[in-house]
Amino acid sequence: MTQQARPDKRARRLPAAAASLLAVAISTSAMALPPAETHGESVRSIPDANQIRDWKPLDNQRVIVNVSATDTYLLTLKQQCYGLGWAQNISVTMSNNTIWAGFDAIKADGQQCPIDNISRVSPAQLLDLQSR
């Protein structure tokens, strides 16, 4: 008399677990935005960021930061940061007076919005960004 092999219970759970992970991955990627159009020279950080003179949100994912009359940067956030244009309290995290892409974030009314990319922009690139 031959015995039939019994299927392993874990093997039956694997497809369900894989399907759950796939569903999470799909829903997470749906919240992420396509890569933003880059402008200017990509840099890793903004030094002397404790001297920010002005900032202006372009939309819910991009912010222009003026550190001096000649140093202007475009911060691209990892995700939409709703309310940038009308937030009552806005701040930016930094380490040793330096803002780092991939590490620091903009905070708008308590919502933390990680910085994905920093680009140094020229006056001509700034005009182009603001005209869109």
C-alpha atoms as a PDB file:
ATOM      1  CA  MET A   1       0.000   0.000   0.000  1.00  0.00           C
ATOM      2  CA  THR A   2       1.474   3.371  -1.022  1.00  0.00           C
ATOM      3  CA  GLN A   3       1.007   6.549   0.929  1.00  0.00           C
ATOM      4  CA  GLN A   4       0.086   9.759  -0.806  1.00  0.00           C
ATOM      5  CA  ALA A   5       2.210  12.755   0.097  1.00  0.00           C
ATOM      6  CA  ARG A   6       0.276  15.307   2.067  1.00  0.00           C
ATOM      7  CA  PRO A   7       0.697  18.875   0.880  1.00  0.00           C
ATOM      8  CA  ASP A   8       2.540  21.100   3.297  1.00  0.00           C
ATOM      9  CA  LYS A   9       0.197  23.658   4.888  1.00  0.00           C
ATOM     10  CA  ARG A  10       2.859  26.333   4.507  1.00  0.00           C
ATOM     11  CA  ALA A  11       2.882  25.779   0.755  1.00  0.00           C
ATOM     12  CA  ARG A  12      -0.816  26.618   0.610  1.00  0.00           C
ATOM     13  CA  ARG A  13      -0.296  29.800   2.614  1.00  0.00           C
ATOM     14  CA  LEU A  14       2.532  31.064   0.452  1.00  0.00           C
ATOM     15  CA  PRO A  15       0.343  32.131  -2.489  1.00  0.00           C
ATOM     16  CA  ALA A  16      -1.960  34.005  -0.108  1.00  0.00           C
ATOM     17  CA  ALA A  17       1.000  35.726   1.560  1.00  0.00           C
ATOM     18  CA  ALA A  18       2.504  36.580  -1.820  1.00  0.00           C
ATOM     19  CA  ALA A  19      -0.821  37.996  -2.973  1.00  0.00           C
ATOM     20  CA  SER A  20      -1.023  40.136   0.172  1.00  0.00           C
ATOM     21  CA  LEU A  21       2.478  41.494  -0.383  1.00  0.00           C
ATOM     22  CA  LEU A  22       1.686  42.205  -4.018  1.00  0.00           C
ATOM     23  CA  ALA A  23      -1.465  44.099  -3.026  1.00  0.00           C
ATOM     24  CA  VAL A  24       0.522  46.210  -0.546  1.00  0.00           C
ATOM     25  CA  ALA A  25       3.207  46.896  -3.149  1.00  0.00           C
ATOM     26  CA  ILE A  26       0.631  47.951  -5.723  1.00  0.00           C
ATOM     27  CA  SER A  27      -1.225  50.231  -3.312  1.00  0.00           C
ATOM     28  CA  THR A  28       2.052  51.773  -2.106  1.00  0.00           C
ATOM     29  CA  SER A  29       3.266  52.400  -5.634  1.00  0.00           C
ATOM     30  CA  ALA A  30      -0.070  53.992  -6.484  1.00  0.00           C
ATOM     31  CA  MET A  31       0.617  56.619  -3.796  1.00  0.00           C
ATOM     32  CA  ALA A  32       4.133  57.302  -5.091  1.00  0.00           C
ATOM     33  CA  LEU A  33       4.501  59.810  -7.862  1.00  0.00           C
ATOM     34  CA  PRO A  34       6.359  59.336 -11.107  1.00  0.00           C
ATOM     35  CA  PRO A  35       9.862  60.793 -11.066  1.00  0.00           C
ATOM     36  CA  ALA A  36       9.653  64.557 -11.183  1.00  0.00           C
ATOM     37  CA  GLU A  37      11.254  66.477 -14.016  1.00  0.00           C
ATOM     38  CA  THR A  38      14.621  67.657 -12.800  1.00  0.00           C
ATOM     39  CA  HIS A  39      16.022  71.116 -13.326  1.00  0.00           C
ATOM     40  CA  GLY A  40      19.490  72.372 -12.653  1.00  0.00           C
ATOM     41  CA  GLU A  41      22.472  70.586 -11.172  1.00  0.00           C
ATOM     42  CA  SER A  42      21.579  67.817  -8.730  1.00  0.00           C
ATOM     43  CA  VAL A  43      23.399  68.263  -5.410  1.00  0.00           C
ATOM     44  CA  ARG A  44      23.443  66.186  -2.235  1.00  0.00           C
ATOM     45  CA  SER A  45      22.904  69.039   0.213  1.00  0.00           C
ATOM     46  CA  ILE A  46      22.335  72.731   0.869  1.00  0.00           C
ATOM     47  CA  PRO A  47      25.082  74.157   3.082  1.00  0.00           C
ATOM     48  CA  ASP A  48      24.417  77.157   5.343  1.00  0.00           C
ATOM     49  CA  ALA A  49      20.707  76.347   5.242  1.00  0.00           C
ATOM     50  CA  ASN A  50      20.151  78.189   8.514  1.00  0.00           C
ATOM     51  CA  GLN A  51      20.280  81.355   6.384  1.00  0.00           C
ATOM     52  CA  ILE A  52      17.245  80.625   4.173  1.00  0.00           C
ATOM     53  CA  ARG A  53      15.979  83.959   2.881  1.00  0.00           C
ATOM     54  CA  ASP A  54      12.826  82.851   1.105  1.00  0.00           C
ATOM     55  CA  TRP A  55      10.909  79.798  -0.065  1.00  0.00           C
ATOM     56  CA  LYS A  56       8.045  79.235  -2.467  1.00  0.00           C
ATOM     57  CA  PRO A  57       6.091  76.046  -3.118  1.00  0.00           C
ATOM     58  CA  LEU A  58       5.657  75.378  -6.853  1.00  0.00           C
ATOM     59  CA  ASP A  59       3.145  72.597  -6.203  1.00  0.00           C
ATOM     60  CA  ASN A  60       2.563  69.860  -3.608  1.00  0.00           C
ATOM     61  CA  GLN A  61       5.872  68.150  -4.390  1.00  0.00           C
ATOM     62  CA  ARG A  62       8.365  70.913  -5.266  1.00  0.00           C
ATOM     63  CA  VAL A  63       9.662  73.880  -3.271  1.00  0.00           C
ATOM     64  CA  ILE A  64      12.054  76.658  -4.309  1.00  0.00           C
ATOM     65  CA  VAL A  65      14.462  77.724  -1.540  1.00  0.00           C
ATOM     66  CA  ASN A  66      16.623  80.868  -1.699  1.00  0.00           C
ATOM     67  CA  VAL A  67      19.637  80.699   0.606  1.00  0.00           C
ATOM     68  CA  SER A  68      21.235  83.856  -0.749  1.00  0.00           C
ATOM     69  CA  ALA A  69      20.795  86.228  -3.658  1.00  0.00           C
ATOM     70  CA  THR A  70      22.801  83.818  -5.826  1.00  0.00           C
ATOM     71  CA  ASP A  71      22.015  80.383  -4.330  1.00  0.00           C
ATOM     72  CA  THR A  72      18.600  79.008  -5.267  1.00  0.00           C
ATOM     73  CA  TYR A  73      17.582  75.371  -4.924  1.00  0.00           C
ATOM     74  CA  LEU A  74      14.679  73.201  -6.012  1.00  0.00           C
ATOM     75  CA  LEU A  75      13.626  70.651  -3.385  1.00  0.00           C
ATOM     76  CA  THR A  76      11.682  67.715  -4.789  1.00  0.00           C
ATOM     77  CA  LEU A  77       9.758  65.751  -2.174  1.00  0.00           C
ATOM     78  CA  LYS A  78       9.328  61.969  -2.187  1.00  0.00           C
ATOM     79  CA  GLN A  79       5.538  62.292  -2.173  1.00  0.00           C
ATOM     80  CA  GLN A  80       2.799  64.891  -2.353  1.00  0.00           C
ATOM     81  CA  CYS A  81       2.830  67.228   0.664  1.00  0.00           C
ATOM     82  CA  TYR A  82      -0.669  68.676   0.678  1.00  0.00           C
ATOM     83  CA  GLY A  83      -1.153  72.147   2.040  1.00  0.00           C
ATOM     84  CA  LEU A  84       2.294  73.583   1.355  1.00  0.00           C
ATOM     85  CA  GLY A  85       0.753  76.721  -0.111  1.00  0.00           C
ATOM     86  CA  TRP A  86      -1.371  77.590   2.925  1.00  0.00           C
ATOM     87  CA  ALA A  87       0.293  75.843   5.891  1.00  0.00           C
ATOM     88  CA  GLN A  88       0.445  77.928   9.077  1.00  0.00           C
ATOM     89  CA  ASN A  89       3.700  76.324  10.294  1.00  0.00           C
ATOM     90  CA  ILE A  90       6.475  75.288   7.945  1.00  0.00           C
ATOM     91  CA  SER A  91       9.947  74.117   8.887  1.00  0.00           C
ATOM     92  CA  VAL A  92      12.758  72.021   7.475  1.00  0.00           C
ATOM     93  CA  THR A  93      14.951  69.543   9.279  1.00  0.00           C
ATOM     94  CA  MET A  94      18.720  69.909   8.938  1.00  0.00           C
ATOM     95  CA  SER A  95      21.965  68.657  10.424  1.00  0.00           C
ATOM     96  CA  ASN A  96      24.759  71.111  11.239  1.00  0.00           C
ATOM     97  CA  ASN A  97      23.012  73.838   9.223  1.00  0.00           C
ATOM     98  CA  THR A  98      22.894  71.572   6.146  1.00  0.00           C
ATOM     99  CA  ILE A  99      19.805  70.134   4.415  1.00  0.00           C
ATOM    100  CA  TRP A 100      20.445  66.657   2.967  1.00  0.00           C
ATOM    101  CA  ALA A 101      18.498  64.955   0.162  1.00  0.00           C
ATOM    102  CA  GLY A 102      17.264  61.547   1.261  1.00  0.00           C
ATOM    103  CA  PHE A 103      17.646  62.414   4.935  1.00  0.00           C
ATOM    104  CA  ASP A 104      15.897  65.684   5.787  1.00  0.00           C
ATOM    105  CA  ALA A 105      12.275  66.728   5.367  1.00  0.00           C
ATOM    106  CA  ILE A 106       9.943  69.684   5.129  1.00  0.00           C
ATOM    107  CA  LYS A 107       7.295  69.820   7.847  1.00  0.00           C
ATOM    108  CA  ALA A 108       4.025  71.545   6.985  1.00  0.00           C
ATOM    109  CA  ASP A 109       1.456  71.814   9.776  1.00  0.00           C
ATOM    110  CA  GLY A 110       2.796  68.621  11.345  1.00  0.00           C
ATOM    111  CA  GLN A 111       2.969  66.623   8.096  1.00  0.00           C
ATOM    112  CA  GLN A 112       6.524  65.410   7.466  1.00  0.00           C
ATOM    113  CA  CYS A 113       7.503  65.385   3.788  1.00  0.00           C
ATOM    114  CA  PRO A 114      10.890  63.743   3.048  1.00  0.00           C
ATOM    115  CA  ILE A 115      13.192  65.482   0.556  1.00  0.00           C
ATOM    116  CA  ASP A 116      14.037  63.187  -2.351  1.00  0.00           C
ATOM    117  CA  ASN A 117      16.219  65.446  -4.488  1.00  0.00           C
ATOM    118  CA  ILE A 118      17.934  68.835  -4.311  1.00  0.00           C
ATOM    119  CA  SER A 119      18.921  70.761  -7.438  1.00  0.00           C
ATOM    120  CA  ARG A 120      20.771  74.063  -7.677  1.00  0.00           C
ATOM    121  CA  VAL A 121      18.911  76.216 -10.209  1.00  0.00           C
ATOM    122  CA  SER A 122      20.085  79.181 -12.234  1.00  0.00           C
ATOM    123  CA  PRO A 123      18.038  82.392 -12.548  1.00  0.00           C
ATOM    124  CA  ALA A 124      16.905  81.290 -16.044  1.00  0.00           C
ATOM    125  CA  GLN A 125      15.845  77.846 -14.761  1.00  0.00           C
ATOM    126  CA  LEU A 126      14.006  79.523 -11.881  1.00  0.00           C
ATOM    127  CA  LEU A 127      12.025  81.696 -14.312  1.00  0.00           C
ATOM    128  CA  ASP A 128      11.178  78.605 -16.343  1.00  0.00           C
ATOM    129  CA  LEU A 129       9.965  76.746 -13.238  1.00  0.00           C
ATOM    130  CA  GLN A 130       7.836  79.668 -12.068  1.00  0.00           C
ATOM    131  CA  SER A 131       6.237  80.174 -15.495  1.00  0.00           C
ATOM    132  CA  ARG A 132       4.779  76.654 -15.588  1.00  0.00           C
END
